[in-house]
Amino acid sequence: MQDNDKIKFATMLTGIADYYGKTLAKAIIEVYWQGLRQYDIDTIKKALWEHTQNPDNGQFMPKIADV
């Protein structure tokens, strides 16, 4: 991702957290950003969507390694 993707990424991750009934602190969003920044924003979006569709792991808020 590029620095100009930060707002889109934070919005997307916050939406996923809301879906799972979680609240993310800014520091946690930064942890996810650092852990995933080597990937393209569209790839991350696809991976998060696929995670929500997984009947096993998709029941829980994804960790960086899940994405």
PDB file of N, CA and C in Angstrom:
ATOM      1  N   MET A   1       0.848  -1.169   0.000  1.00  0.00           N
ATOM      2  CA  MET A   1       0.000   0.000   0.000  1.00  0.00           C
ATOM      3  C   MET A   1       0.891   1.229   0.000  1.00  0.00           C
ATOM      4  N   GLN A   2       0.316   2.301  -0.416  1.00  0.00           N
ATOM      5  CA  GLN A   2       0.984   3.590  -0.414  1.00  0.00           C
ATOM      6  C   GLN A   2       0.431   4.428   0.738  1.00  0.00           C
ATOM      7  N   ASP A   3       1.176   5.441   1.150  1.00  0.00           N
ATOM      8  CA  ASP A   3       0.716   6.295   2.246  1.00  0.00           C
ATOM      9  C   ASP A   3      -0.668   6.889   1.973  1.00  0.00           C
ATOM     10  N   ASN A   4      -0.984   7.146   0.704  1.00  0.00           N
ATOM     11  CA  ASN A   4      -2.297   7.718   0.390  1.00  0.00           C
ATOM     12  C   ASN A   4      -3.432   6.696   0.531  1.00  0.00           C
ATOM     13  N   ASP A   5      -3.114   5.432   0.831  1.00  0.00           N
ATOM     14  CA  ASP A   5      -4.125   4.400   1.073  1.00  0.00           C
ATOM     15  C   ASP A   5      -4.507   4.292   2.552  1.00  0.00           C
ATOM     16  N   LYS A   6      -3.840   5.053   3.420  1.00  0.00           N
ATOM     17  CA  LYS A   6      -4.057   4.909   4.864  1.00  0.00           C
ATOM     18  C   LYS A   6      -5.507   5.149   5.277  1.00  0.00           C
ATOM     19  N   ILE A   7      -6.129   6.172   4.752  1.00  0.00           N
ATOM     20  CA  ILE A   7      -7.514   6.476   5.144  1.00  0.00           C
ATOM     21  C   ILE A   7      -8.446   5.374   4.651  1.00  0.00           C
ATOM     22  N   LYS A   8      -8.279   4.960   3.410  1.00  0.00           N
ATOM     23  CA  LYS A   8      -9.100   3.882   2.865  1.00  0.00           C
ATOM     24  C   LYS A   8      -8.899   2.596   3.677  1.00  0.00           C
ATOM     25  N   PHE A   9      -7.652   2.287   4.013  1.00  0.00           N
ATOM     26  CA  PHE A   9      -7.330   1.102   4.799  1.00  0.00           C
ATOM     27  C   PHE A   9      -7.974   1.181   6.186  1.00  0.00           C
ATOM     28  N   ALA A  10      -7.816   2.313   6.850  1.00  0.00           N
ATOM     29  CA  ALA A  10      -8.382   2.480   8.193  1.00  0.00           C
ATOM     30  C   ALA A  10      -9.902   2.357   8.162  1.00  0.00           C
ATOM     31  N   THR A  11     -10.531   2.933   7.149  1.00  0.00           N
ATOM     32  CA  THR A  11     -11.983   2.839   7.009  1.00  0.00           C
ATOM     33  C   THR A  11     -12.416   1.390   6.796  1.00  0.00           C
ATOM     34  N   MET A  12     -11.702   0.696   5.930  1.00  0.00           N
ATOM     35  CA  MET A  12     -12.007  -0.695   5.632  1.00  0.00           C
ATOM     36  C   MET A  12     -11.824  -1.571   6.875  1.00  0.00           C
ATOM     37  N   LEU A  13     -10.715  -1.393   7.571  1.00  0.00           N
ATOM     38  CA  LEU A  13     -10.430  -2.200   8.761  1.00  0.00           C
ATOM     39  C   LEU A  13     -11.415  -1.896   9.882  1.00  0.00           C
ATOM     40  N   THR A  14     -11.778  -0.643  10.040  1.00  0.00           N
ATOM     41  CA  THR A  14     -12.760  -0.257  11.052  1.00  0.00           C
ATOM     42  C   THR A  14     -14.121  -0.875  10.730  1.00  0.00           C
ATOM     43  N   GLY A  15     -14.472  -0.916   9.456  1.00  0.00           N
ATOM     44  CA  GLY A  15     -15.725  -1.549   9.040  1.00  0.00           C
ATOM     45  C   GLY A  15     -15.730  -3.032   9.364  1.00  0.00           C
ATOM     46  N   ILE A  16     -14.628  -3.694   9.107  1.00  0.00           N
ATOM     47  CA  ILE A  16     -14.518  -5.123   9.441  1.00  0.00           C
ATOM     48  C   ILE A  16     -14.632  -5.310  10.950  1.00  0.00           C
ATOM     49  N   ALA A  17     -13.968  -4.461  11.700  1.00  0.00           N
ATOM     50  CA  ALA A  17     -14.040  -4.554  13.162  1.00  0.00           C
ATOM     51  C   ALA A  17     -15.478  -4.351  13.641  1.00  0.00           C
ATOM     52  N   ASP A  18     -16.180  -3.389  13.064  1.00  0.00           N
ATOM     53  CA  ASP A  18     -17.585  -3.164  13.416  1.00  0.00           C
ATOM     54  C   ASP A  18     -18.413  -4.414  13.132  1.00  0.00           C
ATOM     55  N   TYR A  19     -18.153  -5.036  11.997  1.00  0.00           N
ATOM     56  CA  TYR A  19     -18.857  -6.259  11.624  1.00  0.00           C
ATOM     57  C   TYR A  19     -18.692  -7.335  12.703  1.00  0.00           C
ATOM     58  N   TYR A  20     -17.492  -7.404  13.273  1.00  0.00           N
ATOM     59  CA  TYR A  20     -17.207  -8.390  14.313  1.00  0.00           C
ATOM     60  C   TYR A  20     -17.496  -7.875  15.725  1.00  0.00           C
ATOM     61  N   GLY A  21     -18.065  -6.689  15.830  1.00  0.00           N
ATOM     62  CA  GLY A  21     -18.407  -6.141  17.140  1.00  0.00           C
ATOM     63  C   GLY A  21     -17.205  -5.693  17.942  1.00  0.00           C
ATOM     64  N   LYS A  22     -16.145  -5.296  17.257  1.00  0.00           N
ATOM     65  CA  LYS A  22     -14.901  -4.864  17.916  1.00  0.00           C
ATOM     66  C   LYS A  22     -14.670  -3.377  17.670  1.00  0.00           C
ATOM     67  N   THR A  23     -13.953  -2.779  18.581  1.00  0.00           N
ATOM     68  CA  THR A  23     -13.515  -1.394  18.438  1.00  0.00           C
ATOM     69  C   THR A  23     -12.003  -1.398  18.325  1.00  0.00           C
ATOM     70  N   LEU A  24     -11.480  -0.659  17.349  1.00  0.00           N
ATOM     71  CA  LEU A  24     -10.032  -0.613  17.148  1.00  0.00           C
ATOM     72  C   LEU A  24      -9.478   0.740  17.566  1.00  0.00           C
ATOM     73  N   ALA A  25      -8.467   0.715  18.402  1.00  0.00           N
ATOM     74  CA  ALA A  25      -7.735   1.934  18.747  1.00  0.00           C
ATOM     75  C   ALA A  25      -6.849   2.322  17.560  1.00  0.00           C
ATOM     76  N   LYS A  26      -6.498   3.592  17.467  1.00  0.00           N
ATOM     77  CA  LYS A  26      -5.620   4.050  16.388  1.00  0.00           C
ATOM     78  C   LYS A  26      -4.307   3.284  16.378  1.00  0.00           C
ATOM     79  N   ALA A  27      -3.804   2.950  17.557  1.00  0.00           N
ATOM     80  CA  ALA A  27      -2.536   2.212  17.638  1.00  0.00           C
ATOM     81  C   ALA A  27      -2.661   0.826  17.010  1.00  0.00           C
ATOM     82  N   ILE A  28      -3.805   0.193  17.163  1.00  0.00           N
ATOM     83  CA  ILE A  28      -4.009  -1.131  16.578  1.00  0.00           C
ATOM     84  C   ILE A  28      -4.133  -1.032  15.060  1.00  0.00           C
ATOM     85  N   ILE A  29      -4.802  -0.003  14.580  1.00  0.00           N
ATOM     86  CA  ILE A  29      -4.881   0.198  13.132  1.00  0.00           C
ATOM     87  C   ILE A  29      -3.475   0.366  12.571  1.00  0.00           C
ATOM     88  N   GLU A  30      -2.620   1.063  13.281  1.00  0.00           N
ATOM     89  CA  GLU A  30      -1.225   1.248  12.851  1.00  0.00           C
ATOM     90  C   GLU A  30      -0.478  -0.082  12.837  1.00  0.00           C
ATOM     91  N   VAL A  31      -0.741  -0.949  13.801  1.00  0.00           N
ATOM     92  CA  VAL A  31      -0.111  -2.274  13.829  1.00  0.00           C
ATOM     93  C   VAL A  31      -0.520  -3.064  12.583  1.00  0.00           C
ATOM     94  N   TYR A  32      -1.803  -3.047  12.259  1.00  0.00           N
ATOM     95  CA  TYR A  32      -2.279  -3.717  11.045  1.00  0.00           C
ATOM     96  C   TYR A  32      -1.639  -3.086   9.803  1.00  0.00           C
ATOM     97  N   TRP A  33      -1.566  -1.760   9.763  1.00  0.00           N
ATOM     98  CA  TRP A  33      -0.963  -1.062   8.630  1.00  0.00           C
ATOM     99  C   TRP A  33       0.477  -1.526   8.429  1.00  0.00           C
ATOM    100  N   GLN A  34       1.249  -1.546   9.492  1.00  0.00           N
ATOM    101  CA  GLN A  34       2.650  -1.954   9.386  1.00  0.00           C
ATOM    102  C   GLN A  34       2.768  -3.420   8.962  1.00  0.00           C
ATOM    103  N   GLY A  35       1.861  -4.251   9.449  1.00  0.00           N
ATOM    104  CA  GLY A  35       1.913  -5.665   9.122  1.00  0.00           C
ATOM    105  C   GLY A  35       1.454  -6.004   7.719  1.00  0.00           C
ATOM    106  N   LEU A  36       0.658  -5.121   7.123  1.00  0.00           N
ATOM    107  CA  LEU A  36       0.071  -5.423   5.806  1.00  0.00           C
ATOM    108  C   LEU A  36       0.491  -4.466   4.698  1.00  0.00           C
ATOM    109  N   ARG A  37       1.287  -3.473   5.005  1.00  0.00           N
ATOM    110  CA  ARG A  37       1.575  -2.426   4.028  1.00  0.00           C
ATOM    111  C   ARG A  37       2.312  -2.903   2.782  1.00  0.00           C
ATOM    112  N   GLN A  38       2.920  -4.082   2.842  1.00  0.00           N
ATOM    113  CA  GLN A  38       3.629  -4.582   1.658  1.00  0.00           C
ATOM    114  C   GLN A  38       2.669  -5.093   0.582  1.00  0.00           C
ATOM    115  N   TYR A  39       1.378  -5.212   0.926  1.00  0.00           N
ATOM    116  CA  TYR A  39       0.383  -5.713  -0.020  1.00  0.00           C
ATOM    117  C   TYR A  39      -0.413  -4.566  -0.639  1.00  0.00           C
ATOM    118  N   ASP A  40      -0.959  -4.817  -1.794  1.00  0.00           N
ATOM    119  CA  ASP A  40      -1.805  -3.862  -2.486  1.00  0.00           C
ATOM    120  C   ASP A  40      -3.142  -3.732  -1.741  1.00  0.00           C
ATOM    121  N   ILE A  41      -3.716  -2.538  -1.703  1.00  0.00           N
ATOM    122  CA  ILE A  41      -4.969  -2.277  -0.986  1.00  0.00           C
ATOM    123  C   ILE A  41      -6.108  -3.160  -1.509  1.00  0.00           C
ATOM    124  N   ASP A  42      -6.162  -3.393  -2.813  1.00  0.00           N
ATOM    125  CA  ASP A  42      -7.224  -4.237  -3.363  1.00  0.00           C
ATOM    126  C   ASP A  42      -7.050  -5.704  -2.952  1.00  0.00           C
ATOM    127  N   THR A  43      -5.812  -6.141  -2.811  1.00  0.00           N
ATOM    128  CA  THR A  43      -5.533  -7.502  -2.352  1.00  0.00           C
ATOM    129  C   THR A  43      -5.987  -7.674  -0.908  1.00  0.00           C
ATOM    130  N   ILE A  44      -5.741  -6.671  -0.089  1.00  0.00           N
ATOM    131  CA  ILE A  44      -6.162  -6.719   1.307  1.00  0.00           C
ATOM    132  C   ILE A  44      -7.681  -6.719   1.402  1.00  0.00           C
ATOM    133  N   LYS A  45      -8.315  -5.875   0.610  1.00  0.00           N
ATOM    134  CA  LYS A  45      -9.783  -5.828   0.597  1.00  0.00           C
ATOM    135  C   LYS A  45     -10.358  -7.196   0.245  1.00  0.00           C
ATOM    136  N   LYS A  46      -9.804  -7.833  -0.767  1.00  0.00           N
ATOM    137  CA  LYS A  46     -10.260  -9.160  -1.187  1.00  0.00           C
ATOM    138  C   LYS A  46     -10.025 -10.180  -0.072  1.00  0.00           C
ATOM    139  N   ALA A  47      -8.868 -10.139   0.550  1.00  0.00           N
ATOM    140  CA  ALA A  47      -8.544 -11.088   1.614  1.00  0.00           C
ATOM    141  C   ALA A  47      -9.467 -10.913   2.817  1.00  0.00           C
ATOM    142  N   LEU A  48      -9.786  -9.678   3.169  1.00  0.00           N
ATOM    143  CA  LEU A  48     -10.705  -9.441   4.284  1.00  0.00           C
ATOM    144  C   LEU A  48     -12.099  -9.961   3.948  1.00  0.00           C
ATOM    145  N   TRP A  49     -12.548  -9.734   2.727  1.00  0.00           N
ATOM    146  CA  TRP A  49     -13.860 -10.242   2.303  1.00  0.00           C
ATOM    147  C   TRP A  49     -13.876 -11.765   2.367  1.00  0.00           C
ATOM    148  N   GLU A  50     -12.833 -12.388   1.851  1.00  0.00           N
ATOM    149  CA  GLU A  50     -12.760 -13.851   1.877  1.00  0.00           C
ATOM    150  C   GLU A  50     -12.737 -14.381   3.308  1.00  0.00           C
ATOM    151  N   HIS A  51     -12.084 -13.657   4.194  1.00  0.00           N
ATOM    152  CA  HIS A  51     -12.050 -14.071   5.595  1.00  0.00           C
ATOM    153  C   HIS A  51     -13.466 -14.104   6.175  1.00  0.00           C
ATOM    154  N   THR A  52     -14.266 -13.107   5.856  1.00  0.00           N
ATOM    155  CA  THR A  52     -15.628 -13.070   6.407  1.00  0.00           C
ATOM    156  C   THR A  52     -16.482 -14.214   5.872  1.00  0.00           C
ATOM    157  N   GLN A  53     -16.098 -14.778   4.738  1.00  0.00           N
ATOM    158  CA  GLN A  53     -16.853 -15.867   4.130  1.00  0.00           C
ATOM    159  C   GLN A  53     -16.403 -17.249   4.600  1.00  0.00           C
ATOM    160  N   ASN A  54     -15.273 -17.314   5.305  1.00  0.00           N
ATOM    161  CA  ASN A  54     -14.733 -18.593   5.763  1.00  0.00           C
ATOM    162  C   ASN A  54     -15.554 -19.101   6.947  1.00  0.00           C
ATOM    163  N   PRO A  55     -16.161 -20.280   6.829  1.00  0.00           N
ATOM    164  CA  PRO A  55     -17.034 -20.765   7.905  1.00  0.00           C
ATOM    165  C   PRO A  55     -16.300 -21.088   9.197  1.00  0.00           C
ATOM    166  N   ASP A  56     -14.988 -21.296   9.143  1.00  0.00           N
ATOM    167  CA  ASP A  56     -14.222 -21.600  10.349  1.00  0.00           C
ATOM    168  C   ASP A  56     -13.586 -20.340  10.936  1.00  0.00           C
ATOM    169  N   ASN A  57     -12.593 -19.817  10.256  1.00  0.00           N
ATOM    170  CA  ASN A  57     -11.876 -18.634  10.757  1.00  0.00           C
ATOM    171  C   ASN A  57     -12.681 -17.360  10.658  1.00  0.00           C
ATOM    172  N   GLY A  58     -13.636 -17.320   9.755  1.00  0.00           N
ATOM    173  CA  GLY A  58     -14.411 -16.115   9.517  1.00  0.00           C
ATOM    174  C   GLY A  58     -15.362 -15.734  10.636  1.00  0.00           C
ATOM    175  N   GLN A  59     -15.409 -16.529  11.680  1.00  0.00           N
ATOM    176  CA  GLN A  59     -16.261 -16.209  12.817  1.00  0.00           C
ATOM    177  C   GLN A  59     -15.605 -15.208  13.767  1.00  0.00           C
ATOM    178  N   PHE A  60     -14.323 -14.899  13.529  1.00  0.00           N
ATOM    179  CA  PHE A  60     -13.557 -14.055  14.437  1.00  0.00           C
ATOM    180  C   PHE A  60     -12.873 -12.919  13.680  1.00  0.00           C
ATOM    181  N   MET A  61     -12.642 -11.831  14.361  1.00  0.00           N
ATOM    182  CA  MET A  61     -11.909 -10.698  13.784  1.00  0.00           C
ATOM    183  C   MET A  61     -10.553 -11.201  13.300  1.00  0.00           C
ATOM    184  N   PRO A  62     -10.210 -10.914  12.034  1.00  0.00           N
ATOM    185  CA  PRO A  62      -8.940 -11.425  11.518  1.00  0.00           C
ATOM    186  C   PRO A  62      -7.729 -10.740  12.146  1.00  0.00           C
ATOM    187  N   LYS A  63      -6.737 -11.529  12.401  1.00  0.00           N
ATOM    188  CA  LYS A  63      -5.428 -11.006  12.800  1.00  0.00           C
ATOM    189  C   LYS A  63      -4.636 -10.789  11.514  1.00  0.00           C
ATOM    190  N   ILE A  64      -3.510 -10.141  11.619  1.00  0.00           N
ATOM    191  CA  ILE A  64      -2.693  -9.847  10.434  1.00  0.00           C
ATOM    192  C   ILE A  64      -2.381 -11.126   9.668  1.00  0.00           C
ATOM    193  N   ALA A  65      -2.008 -12.177  10.361  1.00  0.00           N
ATOM    194  CA  ALA A  65      -1.645 -13.434   9.707  1.00  0.00           C
ATOM    195  C   ALA A  65      -2.850 -14.057   8.987  1.00  0.00           C
ATOM    196  N   ASP A  66      -4.058 -13.774   9.430  1.00  0.00           N
ATOM    197  CA  ASP A  66      -5.255 -14.301   8.770  1.00  0.00           C
ATOM    198  C   ASP A  66      -5.493 -13.636   7.417  1.00  0.00           C
ATOM    199  N   VAL A  67      -5.064 -12.396   7.315  1.00  0.00           N
ATOM    200  CA  VAL A  67      -5.271 -11.642   6.084  1.00  0.00           C
ATOM    201  C   VAL A  67      -4.254 -12.073   5.067  1.00  0.00           C
TER     202      VAL A  67
END
